[in-house]
Structures are given as structure tokens and as C-alpha cells.
Amino acid sequence: MTTLTTFFSQDGQREAHVVRAESGLHVEAYEFTSHEMALVRIIDVSTHSEYYAEDTAENWVTYVIRN
């Protein structure tokens, strides 16, 4: 697996990693819980482009995608 891009929210509460794996692209969505950044969900974007994956990551950190 290779992390291609990392996005951060302005409030420091969320981050997202666009990852290329053998199965294709996915977005790892993290949120600050208690005292650490925790993986909340993995969003499968394997049937889409890298641009789509980046848009999805940006939507996570800007709270367009809610938990």
C-alpha cells in the first residue's frame, strides 16, 4: 500500500489518506477521538479515478461526509 495524498481539516479533528493498494484506491478516514486520531472508516473508491479519491478525501475533512 502506498499513501498518495493526505488531507487535514482546518480544526485538526479529521484527516484523510488516499491510498493505492493492490485492490485499487481507497480513502482512509480518520477522526480525533479521546486522545488520538482513530481510523473511522475506509471508503472504497477502487472503481474511480485518483481525482475522485482526492475529492472524497477532501469531502471527509470538510465535513461534507458525516460520520
N, C-alpha and C. Protein backbone atom coordinates (compact mmCIF):
# COMPACT_ATOMS: atom_id res chain seq x y z
N MET A 1 0.84 -1.18 0.00
CA MET A 1 0.00 0.00 0.00
C MET A 1 0.88 1.24 0.00
N THR A 2 0.42 2.23 -0.74
CA THR A 2 1.13 3.50 -0.83
C THR A 2 0.17 4.64 -0.59
N THR A 3 0.49 5.52 0.35
CA THR A 3 -0.31 6.71 0.57
C THR A 3 0.08 7.74 -0.48
N LEU A 4 -0.90 8.19 -1.27
CA LEU A 4 -0.64 9.14 -2.34
C LEU A 4 -0.77 10.58 -1.88
N THR A 5 -1.79 10.86 -1.08
CA THR A 5 -2.08 12.21 -0.64
C THR A 5 -2.71 12.15 0.75
N THR A 6 -2.43 13.18 1.55
CA THR A 6 -3.04 13.30 2.87
C THR A 6 -3.71 14.66 2.97
N PHE A 7 -4.92 14.66 3.52
CA PHE A 7 -5.70 15.89 3.71
C PHE A 7 -5.96 16.07 5.20
N PHE A 8 -6.03 17.34 5.64
CA PHE A 8 -6.28 17.66 7.04
C PHE A 8 -7.41 18.67 7.14
N SER A 9 -8.26 18.52 8.15
CA SER A 9 -9.32 19.51 8.39
C SER A 9 -8.70 20.74 9.03
N GLN A 10 -9.34 21.88 8.87
CA GLN A 10 -8.84 23.11 9.45
C GLN A 10 -8.87 23.09 10.97
N ASP A 11 -9.81 22.35 11.55
CA ASP A 11 -9.92 22.31 13.01
C ASP A 11 -9.04 21.22 13.64
N GLY A 12 -8.33 20.46 12.83
CA GLY A 12 -7.44 19.43 13.33
C GLY A 12 -8.12 18.17 13.83
N GLN A 13 -9.42 18.05 13.59
CA GLN A 13 -10.18 16.91 14.10
C GLN A 13 -10.29 15.75 13.13
N ARG A 14 -9.98 16.00 11.85
CA ARG A 14 -10.10 14.95 10.84
C ARG A 14 -8.90 14.95 9.91
N GLU A 15 -8.61 13.77 9.39
CA GLU A 15 -7.65 13.66 8.29
C GLU A 15 -8.06 12.51 7.40
N ALA A 16 -7.56 12.55 6.17
CA ALA A 16 -7.90 11.51 5.19
C ALA A 16 -6.66 11.19 4.37
N HIS A 17 -6.49 9.92 4.08
CA HIS A 17 -5.35 9.45 3.29
C HIS A 17 -5.89 8.75 2.04
N VAL A 18 -5.43 9.18 0.88
CA VAL A 18 -5.74 8.49 -0.36
C VAL A 18 -4.67 7.42 -0.52
N VAL A 19 -5.11 6.16 -0.62
CA VAL A 19 -4.18 5.03 -0.61
C VAL A 19 -4.38 4.19 -1.87
N ARG A 20 -3.26 3.81 -2.48
CA ARG A 20 -3.30 2.86 -3.60
C ARG A 20 -2.84 1.50 -3.06
N ALA A 21 -3.73 0.52 -3.15
CA ALA A 21 -3.44 -0.84 -2.72
C ALA A 21 -3.55 -1.76 -3.94
N GLU A 22 -3.25 -3.02 -3.75
CA GLU A 22 -3.37 -3.98 -4.86
C GLU A 22 -4.80 -4.04 -5.39
N SER A 23 -5.76 -3.84 -4.51
CA SER A 23 -7.18 -3.90 -4.90
C SER A 23 -7.68 -2.61 -5.53
N GLY A 24 -6.85 -1.57 -5.55
CA GLY A 24 -7.24 -0.28 -6.12
C GLY A 24 -7.16 0.83 -5.09
N LEU A 25 -7.82 1.92 -5.38
CA LEU A 25 -7.78 3.09 -4.50
C LEU A 25 -8.81 2.99 -3.38
N HIS A 26 -8.45 3.54 -2.22
CA HIS A 26 -9.42 3.74 -1.15
C HIS A 26 -8.99 4.96 -0.34
N VAL A 27 -9.92 5.47 0.44
CA VAL A 27 -9.66 6.61 1.31
C VAL A 27 -9.80 6.15 2.75
N GLU A 28 -8.75 6.37 3.53
CA GLU A 28 -8.79 6.08 4.96
C GLU A 28 -9.21 7.35 5.67
N ALA A 29 -10.34 7.32 6.35
CA ALA A 29 -10.91 8.48 7.02
C ALA A 29 -10.66 8.38 8.52
N TYR A 30 -9.98 9.38 9.08
CA TYR A 30 -9.62 9.41 10.49
C TYR A 30 -10.33 10.56 11.19
N GLU A 31 -10.60 10.35 12.49
CA GLU A 31 -11.20 11.40 13.29
C GLU A 31 -10.57 11.36 14.68
N PHE A 32 -10.38 12.54 15.26
CA PHE A 32 -9.80 12.63 16.60
C PHE A 32 -10.84 12.18 17.62
N THR A 33 -10.50 11.14 18.38
CA THR A 33 -11.39 10.65 19.43
C THR A 33 -10.57 10.49 20.70
N SER A 34 -11.08 11.02 21.76
CA SER A 34 -10.39 10.99 23.06
C SER A 34 -9.03 11.67 22.96
N HIS A 35 -7.97 10.86 22.80
CA HIS A 35 -6.62 11.41 22.82
C HIS A 35 -5.80 11.08 21.58
N GLU A 36 -6.46 10.55 20.55
CA GLU A 36 -5.68 10.15 19.37
C GLU A 36 -6.53 10.16 18.11
N MET A 37 -5.86 10.16 16.99
CA MET A 37 -6.51 10.07 15.69
C MET A 37 -6.83 8.59 15.46
N ALA A 38 -8.10 8.30 15.18
CA ALA A 38 -8.53 6.91 15.01
C ALA A 38 -9.13 6.71 13.63
N LEU A 39 -8.85 5.57 13.03
CA LEU A 39 -9.45 5.22 11.75
C LEU A 39 -10.94 4.97 11.97
N VAL A 40 -11.76 5.77 11.27
CA VAL A 40 -13.21 5.68 11.43
C VAL A 40 -13.83 4.81 10.35
N ARG A 41 -13.34 4.97 9.14
CA ARG A 41 -13.88 4.17 8.04
C ARG A 41 -12.90 4.15 6.87
N ILE A 42 -13.07 3.15 6.03
CA ILE A 42 -12.34 3.05 4.78
C ILE A 42 -13.37 3.15 3.67
N ILE A 43 -13.17 4.13 2.79
CA ILE A 43 -14.12 4.38 1.71
C ILE A 43 -13.54 3.80 0.42
N ASP A 44 -14.22 2.81 -0.12
CA ASP A 44 -13.76 2.14 -1.35
C ASP A 44 -14.06 3.02 -2.56
N VAL A 45 -13.02 3.42 -3.26
CA VAL A 45 -13.17 4.20 -4.49
C VAL A 45 -12.40 3.51 -5.62
N SER A 46 -12.30 2.19 -5.52
CA SER A 46 -11.47 1.41 -6.45
C SER A 46 -11.97 1.46 -7.89
N THR A 47 -13.24 1.79 -8.09
CA THR A 47 -13.76 1.85 -9.46
C THR A 47 -13.70 3.27 -10.01
N HIS A 48 -13.04 4.17 -9.29
CA HIS A 48 -12.98 5.58 -9.70
C HIS A 48 -11.54 6.03 -9.90
N SER A 49 -11.38 7.25 -10.34
CA SER A 49 -10.05 7.82 -10.61
C SER A 49 -9.40 8.34 -9.33
N GLU A 50 -8.13 8.68 -9.45
CA GLU A 50 -7.40 9.29 -8.33
C GLU A 50 -8.01 10.65 -7.97
N TYR A 51 -8.48 11.38 -8.98
CA TYR A 51 -9.13 12.67 -8.73
C TYR A 51 -10.39 12.50 -7.89
N TYR A 52 -11.16 11.47 -8.19
CA TYR A 52 -12.37 11.17 -7.41
C TYR A 52 -11.99 10.84 -5.97
N ALA A 53 -10.94 10.05 -5.80
CA ALA A 53 -10.48 9.68 -4.46
C ALA A 53 -10.06 10.93 -3.68
N GLU A 54 -9.37 11.85 -4.34
CA GLU A 54 -8.96 13.10 -3.68
C GLU A 54 -10.17 13.95 -3.31
N ASP A 55 -11.16 14.00 -4.19
CA ASP A 55 -12.39 14.74 -3.87
C ASP A 55 -13.09 14.12 -2.66
N THR A 56 -13.11 12.80 -2.59
CA THR A 56 -13.72 12.10 -1.46
C THR A 56 -12.98 12.43 -0.17
N ALA A 57 -11.66 12.42 -0.22
CA ALA A 57 -10.86 12.76 0.96
C ALA A 57 -11.12 14.19 1.40
N GLU A 58 -11.19 15.09 0.45
CA GLU A 58 -11.48 16.49 0.78
C GLU A 58 -12.88 16.62 1.39
N ASN A 59 -13.83 15.88 0.86
CA ASN A 59 -15.19 15.91 1.42
C ASN A 59 -15.20 15.41 2.86
N TRP A 60 -14.35 14.46 3.19
CA TRP A 60 -14.28 13.98 4.57
C TRP A 60 -13.76 15.08 5.50
N VAL A 61 -12.66 15.72 5.14
CA VAL A 61 -12.05 16.70 6.05
C VAL A 61 -12.82 18.00 6.12
N THR A 62 -13.69 18.27 5.15
CA THR A 62 -14.51 19.49 5.19
C THR A 62 -15.93 19.20 5.70
N TYR A 63 -16.14 18.01 6.22
CA TYR A 63 -17.40 17.60 6.86
C TYR A 63 -18.58 17.52 5.89
N VAL A 64 -18.32 17.40 4.59
CA VAL A 64 -19.38 17.10 3.64
C VAL A 64 -19.87 15.68 3.91
N ILE A 65 -18.92 14.78 4.15
CA ILE A 65 -19.24 13.41 4.55
C ILE A 65 -19.27 13.39 6.08
N ARG A 66 -20.40 13.01 6.62
CA ARG A 66 -20.57 12.93 8.07
C ARG A 66 -20.30 11.51 8.54
N ASN A 67 -19.94 11.38 9.78
CA ASN A 67 -19.64 10.07 10.34
C ASN A 67 -20.92 9.33 10.68
